[in-house]
Amino acid sequence: MRIGIFIQHLLRGLGGAERAAINIARGMLERGHDCFLFHDTPPNMLDIPSYSIPQRIVCCNISSGNGINSVTTAKRVILKCRCDVACIFSYDTYSLFALSATVGTGLPLVCSERSAPWLEENILWNRRERLLCLASADIIHLLFPSYTASLPEKLRSRVRSIPNFFDPQAYSDEPSLRARQNKVVLAVANLQEPIKQLSLLISAFAILHAEFPDWECHICGDGPFYKQYQNLIDAYHLSSCVFLEESVKDIDK
């Protein structure tokens, strides 16, 4: 099978959507499928991807900057790749661009949402355009079954709920982790509210700290809420167990 994945900021982003798209493409590649990552990168911003991408995965730049001409060009690229199915990893108006580029191609379409519906509709995007995009999908991927309630009844049969995956076994044999006396919760995210809701993590740690004094929380990232998060840590008297670290690029390391 030939699988196309729309991931807008493939060469510019260091977020969960980019990481998930590449991991899925890598997994499909290992199963014998061909994968194509369609991204939107202006010519003057072309760069090495933030995450490692196997050479056999094809990256195709379909910039959305020139209106209808961009849609026509993108459709030509998609047809040239001869994909059997397409998946949109997005949560804003780029989804509409990707959707327009697939119209008339006959491609089955999967729309994958990477955030909670209330964030999609109130912070990242809006409800009207979100539903317009999801109504055009053959399959709708949501992170949790409870998110299905945000959709009209006629769309709910298309929903497949698959949470983000984490394999603890991949890290259980790491010598540096086994040598640690304290257990560690690691959060890697932009420091911003309400999208990342790191204030909720800090508040939860304040509740649990007395019962689990051997646990630490390390938050890696930068952003406009650094000072507010540090003030919250100080207010809860958590400076000995909750730490704001600098932004990192090699998340696995």
Protein backbone atom coordinates (compact mmCIF):
# COMPACT_ATOMS: atom_id res chain seq x y z
CA MET A 1 0.00 0.00 0.00
CA ARG A 2 1.11 3.56 -0.71
CA ILE A 3 0.29 5.85 2.23
CA GLY A 4 0.33 9.66 2.12
CA ILE A 5 0.45 11.69 5.35
CA PHE A 6 -0.11 15.46 5.43
CA ILE A 7 2.05 16.97 8.19
CA GLN A 8 2.43 20.71 7.69
CA HIS A 9 5.46 21.56 9.84
CA LEU A 10 7.56 18.47 9.13
CA LEU A 11 10.73 20.51 8.55
CA ARG A 12 9.91 23.30 10.99
CA GLY A 13 8.24 21.66 13.97
CA LEU A 14 9.52 19.71 16.94
CA GLY A 15 6.15 18.67 18.28
CA GLY A 16 4.11 15.57 18.92
CA ALA A 17 2.28 15.63 15.58
CA GLU A 18 5.53 15.60 13.60
CA ARG A 19 6.95 12.86 15.79
CA ALA A 20 3.78 10.75 15.52
CA ALA A 21 3.58 11.11 11.74
CA ILE A 22 7.19 10.03 11.27
CA ASN A 23 6.82 7.10 13.69
CA ILE A 24 3.70 5.89 11.89
CA ALA A 25 5.42 6.22 8.52
CA ARG A 26 8.43 4.31 9.88
CA GLY A 27 6.16 1.57 11.24
CA MET A 28 4.29 1.26 7.94
CA LEU A 29 7.61 1.13 6.09
CA GLU A 30 8.73 -1.79 8.27
CA ARG A 31 5.51 -3.59 7.33
CA GLY A 32 6.30 -3.28 3.63
CA HIS A 33 4.28 -0.19 2.72
CA ASP A 34 5.50 2.90 0.84
CA CYS A 35 5.06 6.19 2.71
CA PHE A 36 4.95 9.81 1.58
CA LEU A 37 5.06 12.80 3.95
CA PHE A 38 3.45 15.91 2.44
CA HIS A 39 4.62 19.08 4.19
CA ASP A 40 4.26 22.84 3.73
CA THR A 41 7.63 24.58 3.84
CA PRO A 42 8.46 27.90 2.11
CA PRO A 43 11.53 27.57 -0.16
CA ASN A 44 13.58 29.91 2.04
CA MET A 45 12.90 27.73 5.11
CA LEU A 46 13.81 24.30 3.73
CA ASP A 47 15.94 22.53 6.30
CA ILE A 48 16.84 19.16 7.77
CA PRO A 49 13.84 17.57 9.55
CA SER A 50 13.78 17.94 13.33
CA TYR A 51 13.39 14.17 13.66
CA SER A 52 15.27 11.46 11.79
CA ILE A 53 13.39 10.14 8.75
CA PRO A 54 14.34 6.86 7.03
CA GLN A 55 15.61 7.45 3.50
CA ARG A 56 12.90 5.26 1.94
CA ILE A 57 10.18 7.60 3.23
CA VAL A 58 9.55 10.23 0.55
CA CYS A 59 9.10 13.85 1.69
CA CYS A 60 7.11 16.09 -0.69
CA ASN A 61 6.83 19.85 -0.25
CA ILE A 62 3.37 21.14 -1.20
CA SER A 63 3.41 24.76 -0.07
CA SER A 64 0.01 26.37 0.50
CA GLY A 65 1.22 29.94 -0.04
CA ASN A 66 -0.13 30.59 -3.55
CA GLY A 67 -3.85 30.00 -3.18
CA ILE A 68 -5.58 27.99 -5.89
CA ASN A 69 -2.30 27.45 -7.74
CA SER A 70 -0.94 25.70 -4.66
CA VAL A 71 -3.95 23.37 -4.53
CA THR A 72 -3.48 22.48 -8.19
CA THR A 73 0.23 21.86 -7.69
CA ALA A 74 -0.37 19.81 -4.54
CA LYS A 75 -2.97 17.66 -6.33
CA ARG A 76 -0.48 17.00 -9.12
CA VAL A 77 2.16 15.88 -6.60
CA ILE A 78 -0.30 13.63 -4.77
CA LEU A 79 -1.43 11.97 -7.99
CA LYS A 80 2.18 11.46 -9.05
CA CYS A 81 2.82 9.57 -5.79
CA ARG A 82 -0.08 7.19 -6.62
CA CYS A 83 -1.17 6.94 -2.99
CA ASP A 84 -3.85 4.45 -1.98
CA VAL A 85 -4.92 6.35 1.15
CA ALA A 86 -4.24 9.76 2.68
CA CYS A 87 -4.14 10.89 6.30
CA ILE A 88 -4.28 14.51 7.47
CA PHE A 89 -2.34 15.26 10.65
CA SER A 90 -3.45 18.80 11.38
CA TYR A 91 -5.72 20.94 13.49
CA ASP A 92 -6.12 24.26 11.68
CA THR A 93 -6.82 25.77 8.27
CA TYR A 94 -4.06 23.68 6.70
CA SER A 95 -6.46 20.76 7.01
CA LEU A 96 -8.76 22.56 4.56
CA PHE A 97 -5.86 23.03 2.14
CA ALA A 98 -4.94 19.35 2.36
CA LEU A 99 -8.59 18.41 1.98
CA SER A 100 -8.91 20.57 -1.15
CA ALA A 101 -5.80 18.95 -2.60
CA THR A 102 -7.38 15.48 -2.31
CA VAL A 103 -10.74 16.40 -3.88
CA GLY A 104 -11.17 14.54 -7.16
CA THR A 105 -8.32 12.11 -6.48
CA GLY A 106 -10.56 9.31 -5.25
CA LEU A 107 -8.32 8.81 -2.21
CA PRO A 108 -9.88 7.39 0.98
CA LEU A 109 -9.20 10.00 3.65
CA VAL A 110 -8.33 9.70 7.34
CA CYS A 111 -8.43 12.82 9.52
CA SER A 112 -6.31 12.47 12.66
CA GLU A 113 -6.85 14.93 15.51
CA ARG A 114 -3.96 15.30 17.92
CA SER A 115 -5.63 17.48 20.58
CA ALA A 116 -8.76 17.67 22.70
CA PRO A 117 -11.88 18.90 20.83
CA TRP A 118 -12.29 22.00 23.02
CA LEU A 119 -8.75 23.07 22.08
CA GLU A 120 -9.44 22.43 18.41
CA GLU A 121 -12.63 24.46 18.44
CA ASN A 122 -11.71 27.34 20.76
CA ILE A 123 -7.96 27.86 20.66
CA LEU A 124 -6.37 26.20 17.64
CA TRP A 125 -9.23 26.41 15.16
CA ASN A 126 -13.04 26.74 15.16
CA ARG A 127 -15.95 24.30 15.32
CA ARG A 128 -17.46 25.10 11.91
CA GLU A 129 -14.32 24.41 9.88
CA ARG A 130 -13.33 21.48 12.09
CA LEU A 131 -16.62 19.71 11.39
CA LEU A 132 -16.41 20.60 7.71
CA CYS A 133 -13.07 18.84 7.48
CA LEU A 134 -14.10 15.81 9.57
CA ALA A 135 -17.33 15.39 7.57
CA SER A 136 -15.19 14.84 4.47
CA ALA A 137 -13.18 12.01 6.07
CA ASP A 138 -13.87 8.32 5.63
CA ILE A 139 -12.28 7.62 9.03
CA ILE A 140 -11.89 10.06 11.95
CA HIS A 141 -9.11 9.38 14.45
CA LEU A 142 -9.55 10.78 17.97
CA LEU A 143 -7.28 10.22 20.95
CA PHE A 144 -9.99 9.13 23.40
CA PRO A 145 -13.49 7.59 23.09
CA SER A 146 -14.97 10.43 25.15
CA TYR A 147 -13.99 12.90 22.41
CA THR A 148 -16.62 11.31 20.15
CA ALA A 149 -19.32 13.27 21.99
CA SER A 150 -18.03 16.48 20.37
CA LEU A 151 -19.21 15.25 16.96
CA PRO A 152 -22.70 15.17 15.42
CA GLU A 153 -24.37 11.78 15.61
CA LYS A 154 -23.99 11.11 11.88
CA LEU A 155 -20.17 11.28 12.11
CA ARG A 156 -19.67 9.09 15.16
CA SER A 157 -19.68 5.77 13.31
CA ARG A 158 -16.52 6.88 11.50
CA VAL A 159 -14.54 7.43 14.71
CA ARG A 160 -11.61 5.24 15.71
CA SER A 161 -10.10 6.03 19.13
CA ILE A 162 -6.37 5.36 19.43
CA PRO A 163 -4.38 7.05 22.25
CA ASN A 164 -0.78 8.16 21.92
CA PHE A 165 1.55 5.21 22.33
CA PHE A 166 4.41 4.86 24.79
CA ASP A 167 6.51 1.74 25.26
CA PRO A 168 8.04 1.71 28.78
CA GLN A 169 9.96 -1.45 27.90
CA ALA A 170 12.07 0.57 25.46
CA TYR A 171 13.48 2.54 28.41
CA SER A 172 13.38 -0.04 31.21
CA ASP A 173 16.84 -1.42 30.42
CA GLU A 174 18.55 1.97 30.22
CA PRO A 175 21.44 1.80 32.78
CA SER A 176 21.24 5.48 33.69
CA LEU A 177 17.56 5.08 34.57
CA ARG A 178 18.07 1.92 36.63
CA ALA A 179 20.77 3.68 38.64
CA ARG A 180 18.38 6.48 39.65
CA GLN A 181 17.03 6.40 43.17
CA ASN A 182 14.23 8.83 42.37
CA LYS A 183 11.48 8.15 39.88
CA VAL A 184 11.05 10.82 37.20
CA VAL A 185 8.08 12.23 35.33
CA LEU A 186 9.28 13.94 32.14
CA ALA A 187 7.23 16.50 30.21
CA VAL A 188 8.53 17.97 26.94
CA ALA A 189 6.35 20.81 25.67
CA ASN A 190 6.08 24.47 24.81
CA LEU A 191 5.49 26.48 27.97
CA GLN A 192 2.08 27.91 27.17
CA GLU A 193 -1.45 27.81 28.49
CA PRO A 194 -4.05 26.58 27.95
CA ILE A 195 -2.79 24.35 25.11
CA LYS A 196 -0.25 22.31 27.08
CA GLN A 197 -1.89 22.70 30.51
CA LEU A 198 1.37 22.22 32.38
CA SER A 199 -0.18 24.09 35.30
CA LEU A 200 -2.40 21.02 35.75
CA LEU A 201 0.68 18.78 35.90
CA ILE A 202 2.33 21.01 38.50
CA SER A 203 -0.85 21.17 40.58
CA ALA A 204 -1.22 17.39 40.43
CA PHE A 205 2.34 16.98 41.62
CA ALA A 206 1.57 19.21 44.60
CA ILE A 207 -1.22 16.82 45.60
CA LEU A 208 0.89 13.68 45.17
CA HIS A 209 4.24 14.86 46.49
CA ALA A 210 3.60 14.04 50.15
CA GLU A 211 2.57 10.48 49.29
CA PHE A 212 5.34 9.93 46.73
CA PRO A 213 8.34 11.94 47.97
CA ASP A 214 10.79 9.98 45.77
CA TRP A 215 9.23 11.26 42.55
CA GLU A 216 10.57 14.21 40.53
CA CYS A 217 9.05 16.14 37.65
CA HIS A 218 11.24 17.64 34.91
CA ILE A 219 9.59 19.97 32.40
CA CYS A 220 11.68 20.66 29.28
CA GLY A 221 10.76 23.52 26.97
CA ASP A 222 10.57 27.26 26.56
CA GLY A 223 7.76 29.72 26.02
CA PRO A 224 5.89 32.71 27.39
CA PHE A 225 4.65 30.99 30.57
CA TYR A 226 8.04 30.16 32.06
CA LYS A 227 7.71 32.75 34.83
CA GLN A 228 4.12 31.78 35.65
CA TYR A 229 5.06 28.11 35.94
CA GLN A 230 8.04 28.91 38.15
CA ASN A 231 5.82 31.06 40.39
CA LEU A 232 3.36 28.15 40.64
CA ILE A 233 6.17 25.76 41.59
CA ASP A 234 7.34 28.18 44.28
CA ALA A 235 3.81 28.72 45.56
CA TYR A 236 3.39 24.95 46.05
CA HIS A 237 6.88 24.66 47.62
CA LEU A 238 7.92 22.17 44.95
CA SER A 239 11.31 23.63 44.01
CA SER A 240 13.04 20.49 45.35
CA CYS A 241 11.13 18.11 43.06
CA VAL A 242 9.69 20.03 40.09
CA PHE A 243 12.22 21.55 37.71
CA LEU A 244 11.91 23.73 34.62
CA GLU A 245 14.64 22.63 32.22
CA GLU A 246 15.77 24.31 29.03
CA SER A 247 14.37 23.28 25.65
CA VAL A 248 15.80 20.07 24.16
CA LYS A 249 16.08 18.83 20.57
CA ASP A 250 17.07 15.21 21.13
CA ILE A 251 14.02 14.09 23.10
CA ASP A 252 14.96 10.41 23.13
CA LYS A 253 18.34 11.21 24.64
